[in-house]
């Protein structure tokens, strides 16, 4: 009675239309492998090598 009646949320939708020209271009790019899906390796091995180098350096300067 004292509460406000809930309203439906407005549905904001921008329609996307199918464009066969763009689809054909994308298919050609995939066939040529123009779009690179190359996964780059993680930087974890590099970080481990740097940390080990720092530890070896500190040990060398401490005992040397």
PDB file of N, CA and C in Angstrom:
ATOM      1  N   UNK A   1       0.822  -1.179   0.000  1.00  0.00           N
ATOM      2  CA  UNK A   1       0.000   0.000   0.000  1.00  0.00           C
ATOM      3  C   UNK A   1       0.868   1.245   0.000  1.00  0.00           C
ATOM      4  N   UNK A   2       1.863   1.263   0.895  1.00  0.00           N
ATOM      5  CA  UNK A   2       2.766   2.400   0.935  1.00  0.00           C
ATOM      6  C   UNK A   2       4.007   2.162   0.080  1.00  0.00           C
ATOM      7  N   UNK A   3       4.155   0.943  -0.358  1.00  0.00           N
ATOM      8  CA  UNK A   3       5.335   0.584  -1.153  1.00  0.00           C
ATOM      9  C   UNK A   3       5.140   1.023  -2.594  1.00  0.00           C
ATOM     10  N   UNK A   4       6.248   1.277  -3.228  1.00  0.00           N
ATOM     11  CA  UNK A   4       6.205   1.649  -4.634  1.00  0.00           C
ATOM     12  C   UNK A   4       6.119   0.386  -5.490  1.00  0.00           C
ATOM     13  N   UNK A   5       5.315   0.418  -6.502  1.00  0.00           N
ATOM     14  CA  UNK A   5       5.141  -0.742  -7.360  1.00  0.00           C
ATOM     15  C   UNK A   5       6.383  -0.935  -8.229  1.00  0.00           C
ATOM     16  N   UNK A   6       6.971  -2.127  -8.256  1.00  0.00           N
ATOM     17  CA  UNK A   6       8.173  -2.327  -9.071  1.00  0.00           C
ATOM     18  C   UNK A   6       7.860  -2.195 -10.565  1.00  0.00           C
ATOM     19  N   UNK A   7       8.752  -1.538 -11.254  1.00  0.00           N
ATOM     20  CA  UNK A   7       8.600  -1.332 -12.694  1.00  0.00           C
ATOM     21  C   UNK A   7       9.499  -2.314 -13.429  1.00  0.00           C
ATOM     22  N   UNK A   8       9.101  -2.652 -14.630  1.00  0.00           N
ATOM     23  CA  UNK A   8       9.952  -3.489 -15.464  1.00  0.00           C
ATOM     24  C   UNK A   8      11.136  -2.679 -15.965  1.00  0.00           C
ATOM     25  N   UNK A   9      12.300  -3.344 -16.054  1.00  0.00           N
ATOM     26  CA  UNK A   9      13.475  -2.656 -16.581  1.00  0.00           C
ATOM     27  C   UNK A   9      13.323  -2.472 -18.077  1.00  0.00           C
ATOM     28  N   UNK A  10      13.806  -1.353 -18.544  1.00  0.00           N
ATOM     29  CA  UNK A  10      13.754  -1.104 -19.981  1.00  0.00           C
ATOM     30  C   UNK A  10      14.797  -1.968 -20.665  1.00  0.00           C
ATOM     31  N   UNK A  11      14.407  -2.571 -21.729  1.00  0.00           N
ATOM     32  CA  UNK A  11      15.280  -3.480 -22.457  1.00  0.00           C
ATOM     33  C   UNK A  11      15.935  -2.698 -23.581  1.00  0.00           C
ATOM     34  N   UNK A  12      17.200  -2.335 -23.379  1.00  0.00           N
ATOM     35  CA  UNK A  12      17.917  -1.560 -24.387  1.00  0.00           C
ATOM     36  C   UNK A  12      18.720  -2.517 -25.248  1.00  0.00           C
ATOM     37  N   UNK A  13      18.225  -2.758 -26.418  1.00  0.00           N
ATOM     38  CA  UNK A  13      18.857  -3.714 -27.320  1.00  0.00           C
ATOM     39  C   UNK A  13      19.102  -3.041 -28.653  1.00  0.00           C
ATOM     40  N   UNK A  14      20.358  -3.034 -29.062  1.00  0.00           N
ATOM     41  CA  UNK A  14      20.660  -2.515 -30.392  1.00  0.00           C
ATOM     42  C   UNK A  14      20.725  -3.708 -31.328  1.00  0.00           C
ATOM     43  N   UNK A  15      19.827  -3.792 -32.268  1.00  0.00           N
ATOM     44  CA  UNK A  15      19.801  -4.963 -33.133  1.00  0.00           C
ATOM     45  C   UNK A  15      21.026  -5.031 -34.029  1.00  0.00           C
ATOM     46  N   UNK A  16      21.525  -6.227 -34.220  1.00  0.00           N
ATOM     47  CA  UNK A  16      22.646  -6.463 -35.118  1.00  0.00           C
ATOM     48  C   UNK A  16      22.118  -7.242 -36.315  1.00  0.00           C
ATOM     49  N   UNK A  17      22.449  -6.752 -37.467  1.00  0.00           N
ATOM     50  CA  UNK A  17      21.971  -7.389 -38.673  1.00  0.00           C
ATOM     51  C   UNK A  17      23.083  -8.202 -39.300  1.00  0.00           C
ATOM     52  N   UNK A  18      22.711  -9.278 -39.887  1.00  0.00           N
ATOM     53  CA  UNK A  18      23.673 -10.162 -40.533  1.00  0.00           C
ATOM     54  C   UNK A  18      24.146  -9.513 -41.831  1.00  0.00           C
ATOM     55  N   UNK A  19      25.450  -9.359 -41.949  1.00  0.00           N
ATOM     56  CA  UNK A  19      26.034  -8.781 -43.156  1.00  0.00           C
ATOM     57  C   UNK A  19      26.868  -9.860 -43.830  1.00  0.00           C
ATOM     58  N   UNK A  20      26.410 -10.408 -44.942  1.00  0.00           N
ATOM     59  CA  UNK A  20      27.152 -11.509 -45.573  1.00  0.00           C
ATOM     60  C   UNK A  20      28.531 -11.094 -46.076  1.00  0.00           C
ATOM     61  N   UNK A  21      28.722  -9.818 -46.398  1.00  0.00           N
ATOM     62  CA  UNK A  21      30.043  -9.357 -46.865  1.00  0.00           C
ATOM     63  C   UNK A  21      31.071  -9.461 -45.743  1.00  0.00           C
ATOM     64  N   UNK A  22      30.683  -9.037 -44.544  1.00  0.00           N
ATOM     65  CA  UNK A  22      31.604  -9.120 -43.408  1.00  0.00           C
ATOM     66  C   UNK A  22      31.892 -10.572 -43.043  1.00  0.00           C
ATOM     67  N   UNK A  23      30.872 -11.416 -43.144  1.00  0.00           N
ATOM     68  CA  UNK A  23      31.050 -12.825 -42.831  1.00  0.00           C
ATOM     69  C   UNK A  23      32.021 -13.478 -43.821  1.00  0.00           C
ATOM     70  N   UNK A  24      31.906 -13.113 -45.070  1.00  0.00           N
ATOM     71  CA  UNK A  24      32.803 -13.657 -46.084  1.00  0.00           C
ATOM     72  C   UNK A  24      34.243 -13.206 -45.834  1.00  0.00           C
ATOM     73  N   UNK A  25      34.415 -11.939 -45.446  1.00  0.00           N
ATOM     74  CA  UNK A  25      35.763 -11.428 -45.149  1.00  0.00           C
ATOM     75  C   UNK A  25      36.359 -12.152 -43.943  1.00  0.00           C
ATOM     76  N   UNK A  26      35.543 -12.372 -42.922  1.00  0.00           N
ATOM     77  CA  UNK A  26      36.031 -13.062 -41.725  1.00  0.00           C
ATOM     78  C   UNK A  26      36.421 -14.499 -42.057  1.00  0.00           C
ATOM     79  N   UNK A  27      35.647 -15.151 -42.907  1.00  0.00           N
ATOM     80  CA  UNK A  27      35.964 -16.518 -43.302  1.00  0.00           C
ATOM     81  C   UNK A  27      37.291 -16.563 -44.049  1.00  0.00           C
ATOM     82  N   UNK A  28      37.509 -15.630 -44.923  1.00  0.00           N
ATOM     83  CA  UNK A  28      38.786 -15.573 -45.653  1.00  0.00           C
ATOM     84  C   UNK A  28      39.955 -15.339 -44.703  1.00  0.00           C
ATOM     85  N   UNK A  29      39.762 -14.438 -43.740  1.00  0.00           N
ATOM     86  CA  UNK A  29      40.841 -14.170 -42.771  1.00  0.00           C
ATOM     87  C   UNK A  29      41.178 -15.419 -41.963  1.00  0.00           C
ATOM     88  N   UNK A  30      40.132 -16.170 -41.581  1.00  0.00           N
ATOM     89  CA  UNK A  30      40.383 -17.397 -40.824  1.00  0.00           C
ATOM     90  C   UNK A  30      41.105 -18.433 -41.667  1.00  0.00           C
ATOM     91  N   UNK A  31      40.767 -18.497 -42.946  1.00  0.00           N
ATOM     92  CA  UNK A  31      41.422 -19.469 -43.814  1.00  0.00           C
ATOM     93  C   UNK A  31      42.885 -19.095 -44.029  1.00  0.00           C
ATOM     94  N   UNK A  32      43.161 -17.808 -44.120  1.00  0.00           N
ATOM     95  CA  UNK A  32      44.545 -17.347 -44.304  1.00  0.00           C
ATOM     96  C   UNK A  32      45.262 -17.288 -42.952  1.00  0.00           C
ATOM     97  N   UNK A  33      44.477 -17.372 -41.885  1.00  0.00           N
ATOM     98  CA  UNK A  33      44.980 -17.238 -40.508  1.00  0.00           C
ATOM     99  C   UNK A  33      45.558 -15.860 -40.288  1.00  0.00           C
ATOM    100  N   UNK A  34      44.815 -14.870 -40.802  1.00  0.00           N
ATOM    101  CA  UNK A  34      45.196 -13.469 -40.637  1.00  0.00           C
ATOM    102  C   UNK A  34      45.024 -13.054 -39.186  1.00  0.00           C
ATOM    103  N   UNK A  35      43.947 -13.540 -38.575  1.00  0.00           N
ATOM    104  CA  UNK A  35      43.723 -13.231 -37.177  1.00  0.00           C
ATOM    105  C   UNK A  35      44.587 -14.163 -36.340  1.00  0.00           C
ATOM    106  N   UNK A  36      45.444 -13.584 -35.555  1.00  0.00           N
ATOM    107  CA  UNK A  36      46.358 -14.420 -34.785  1.00  0.00           C
ATOM    108  C   UNK A  36      45.697 -14.857 -33.480  1.00  0.00           C
ATOM    109  N   UNK A  37      45.651 -16.130 -33.266  1.00  0.00           N
ATOM    110  CA  UNK A  37      45.160 -16.692 -32.020  1.00  0.00           C
ATOM    111  C   UNK A  37      46.314 -17.331 -31.253  1.00  0.00           C
ATOM    112  N   UNK A  38      47.462 -16.705 -31.332  1.00  0.00           N
ATOM    113  CA  UNK A  38      48.660 -17.248 -30.724  1.00  0.00           C
ATOM    114  C   UNK A  38      48.603 -17.013 -29.218  1.00  0.00           C
ATOM    115  N   UNK A  39      48.737 -18.092 -28.486  1.00  0.00           N
ATOM    116  CA  UNK A  39      48.796 -17.958 -27.035  1.00  0.00           C
ATOM    117  C   UNK A  39      50.243 -17.743 -26.638  1.00  0.00           C
ATOM    118  N   UNK A  40      50.447 -16.689 -25.916  1.00  0.00           N
ATOM    119  CA  UNK A  40      51.805 -16.415 -25.455  1.00  0.00           C
ATOM    120  C   UNK A  40      52.051 -17.177 -24.159  1.00  0.00           C
ATOM    121  N   UNK A  41      53.283 -17.605 -24.000  1.00  0.00           N
ATOM    122  CA  UNK A  41      53.621 -18.348 -22.799  1.00  0.00           C
ATOM    123  C   UNK A  41      53.581 -17.456 -21.578  1.00  0.00           C
ATOM    124  N   UNK A  42      53.420 -18.059 -20.451  1.00  0.00           N
ATOM    125  CA  UNK A  42      53.361 -17.268 -19.228  1.00  0.00           C
ATOM    126  C   UNK A  42      54.750 -16.754 -18.883  1.00  0.00           C
ATOM    127  N   UNK A  43      54.788 -15.706 -18.099  1.00  0.00           N
ATOM    128  CA  UNK A  43      56.063 -15.104 -17.704  1.00  0.00           C
ATOM    129  C   UNK A  43      56.607 -15.732 -16.431  1.00  0.00           C
ATOM    130  N   UNK A  44      55.943 -16.755 -15.934  1.00  0.00           N
ATOM    131  CA  UNK A  44      56.378 -17.391 -14.691  1.00  0.00           C
ATOM    132  C   UNK A  44      57.799 -17.966 -14.783  1.00  0.00           C
ATOM    133  N   UNK A  45      58.176 -18.686 -15.846  1.00  0.00           N
ATOM    134  CA  UNK A  45      59.552 -19.189 -15.901  1.00  0.00           C
ATOM    135  C   UNK A  45      60.589 -18.060 -15.888  1.00  0.00           C
ATOM    136  N   UNK A  46      60.283 -16.957 -16.533  1.00  0.00           N
ATOM    137  CA  UNK A  46      61.201 -15.824 -16.540  1.00  0.00           C
ATOM    138  C   UNK A  46      61.371 -15.251 -15.137  1.00  0.00           C
ATOM    139  N   UNK A  47      60.277 -15.140 -14.407  1.00  0.00           N
ATOM    140  CA  UNK A  47      60.339 -14.606 -13.038  1.00  0.00           C
ATOM    141  C   UNK A  47      61.138 -15.545 -12.148  1.00  0.00           C
ATOM    142  N   UNK A  48      60.938 -16.833 -12.292  1.00  0.00           N
ATOM    143  CA  UNK A  48      61.681 -17.801 -11.478  1.00  0.00           C
ATOM    144  C   UNK A  48      63.171 -17.712 -11.768  1.00  0.00           C
ATOM    145  N   UNK A  49      63.537 -17.567 -13.037  1.00  0.00           N
ATOM    146  CA  UNK A  49      64.958 -17.445 -13.399  1.00  0.00           C
ATOM    147  C   UNK A  49      65.560 -16.185 -12.793  1.00  0.00           C
ATOM    148  N   UNK A  50      64.824 -15.084 -12.834  1.00  0.00           N
ATOM    149  CA  UNK A  50      65.332 -13.826 -12.262  1.00  0.00           C
ATOM    150  C   UNK A  50      65.498 -13.964 -10.756  1.00  0.00           C
ATOM    151  N   UNK A  51      64.534 -14.567 -10.081  1.00  0.00           N
ATOM    152  CA  UNK A  51      64.642 -14.744  -8.631  1.00  0.00           C
ATOM    153  C   UNK A  51      65.821 -15.651  -8.276  1.00  0.00           C
ATOM    154  N   UNK A  52      66.003 -16.721  -9.028  1.00  0.00           N
ATOM    155  CA  UNK A  52      67.146 -17.606  -8.765  1.00  0.00           C
ATOM    156  C   UNK A  52      68.466 -16.873  -9.002  1.00  0.00           C
ATOM    157  N   UNK A  53      68.530 -16.058 -10.050  1.00  0.00           N
ATOM    158  CA  UNK A  53      69.748 -15.290 -10.315  1.00  0.00           C
ATOM    159  C   UNK A  53      70.050 -14.343  -9.160  1.00  0.00           C
ATOM    160  N   UNK A  54      69.008 -13.695  -8.634  1.00  0.00           N
ATOM    161  CA  UNK A  54      69.212 -12.781  -7.505  1.00  0.00           C
ATOM    162  C   UNK A  54      69.682 -13.549  -6.279  1.00  0.00           C
ATOM    163  N   UNK A  55      69.087 -14.723  -6.017  1.00  0.00           N
ATOM    164  CA  UNK A  55      69.519 -15.525  -4.867  1.00  0.00           C
ATOM    165  C   UNK A  55      70.962 -15.986  -5.012  1.00  0.00           C
ATOM    166  N   UNK A  56      71.347 -16.438  -6.192  1.00  0.00           N
ATOM    167  CA  UNK A  56      72.731 -16.872  -6.418  1.00  0.00           C
ATOM    168  C   UNK A  56      73.676 -15.697  -6.236  1.00  0.00           C
ATOM    169  N   UNK A  57      73.300 -14.537  -6.717  1.00  0.00           N
ATOM    170  CA  UNK A  57      74.141 -13.345  -6.574  1.00  0.00           C
ATOM    171  C   UNK A  57      74.308 -12.977  -5.099  1.00  0.00           C
ATOM    172  N   UNK A  58      73.196 -13.013  -4.352  1.00  0.00           N
ATOM    173  CA  UNK A  58      73.297 -12.679  -2.925  1.00  0.00           C
ATOM    174  C   UNK A  58      74.146 -13.695  -2.167  1.00  0.00           C
ATOM    175  N   UNK A  59      73.980 -14.966  -2.465  1.00  0.00           N
ATOM    176  CA  UNK A  59      74.789 -15.995  -1.814  1.00  0.00           C
ATOM    177  C   UNK A  59      76.258 -15.824  -2.183  1.00  0.00           C
ATOM    178  N   UNK A  60      76.541 -15.527  -3.436  1.00  0.00           N
ATOM    179  CA  UNK A  60      77.914 -15.342  -3.871  1.00  0.00           C
ATOM    180  C   UNK A  60      78.569 -14.147  -3.185  1.00  0.00           C
ATOM    181  N   UNK A  61      77.813 -13.028  -3.054  1.00  0.00           N
ATOM    182  CA  UNK A  61      78.401 -11.859  -2.397  1.00  0.00           C
ATOM    183  C   UNK A  61      78.508 -12.072  -0.895  1.00  0.00           C
ATOM    184  N   UNK A  62      77.628 -12.864  -0.271  1.00  0.00           N
ATOM    185  CA  UNK A  62      77.684 -13.095   1.162  1.00  0.00           C
ATOM    186  C   UNK A  62      78.876 -13.992   1.530  1.00  0.00           C
ATOM    187  N   UNK A  63      79.090 -15.063   0.763  1.00  0.00           N
ATOM    188  CA  UNK A  63      80.182 -15.968   1.070  1.00  0.00           C
ATOM    189  C   UNK A  63      81.486 -15.600   0.363  1.00  0.00           C
ATOM    190  N   UNK A  64      81.401 -14.687  -0.594  1.00  0.00           N
ATOM    191  CA  UNK A  64      82.597 -14.348  -1.347  1.00  0.00           C
ATOM    192  C   UNK A  64      83.283 -13.215  -0.764  1.00  0.00           C
TER     193      UNK A  64
END
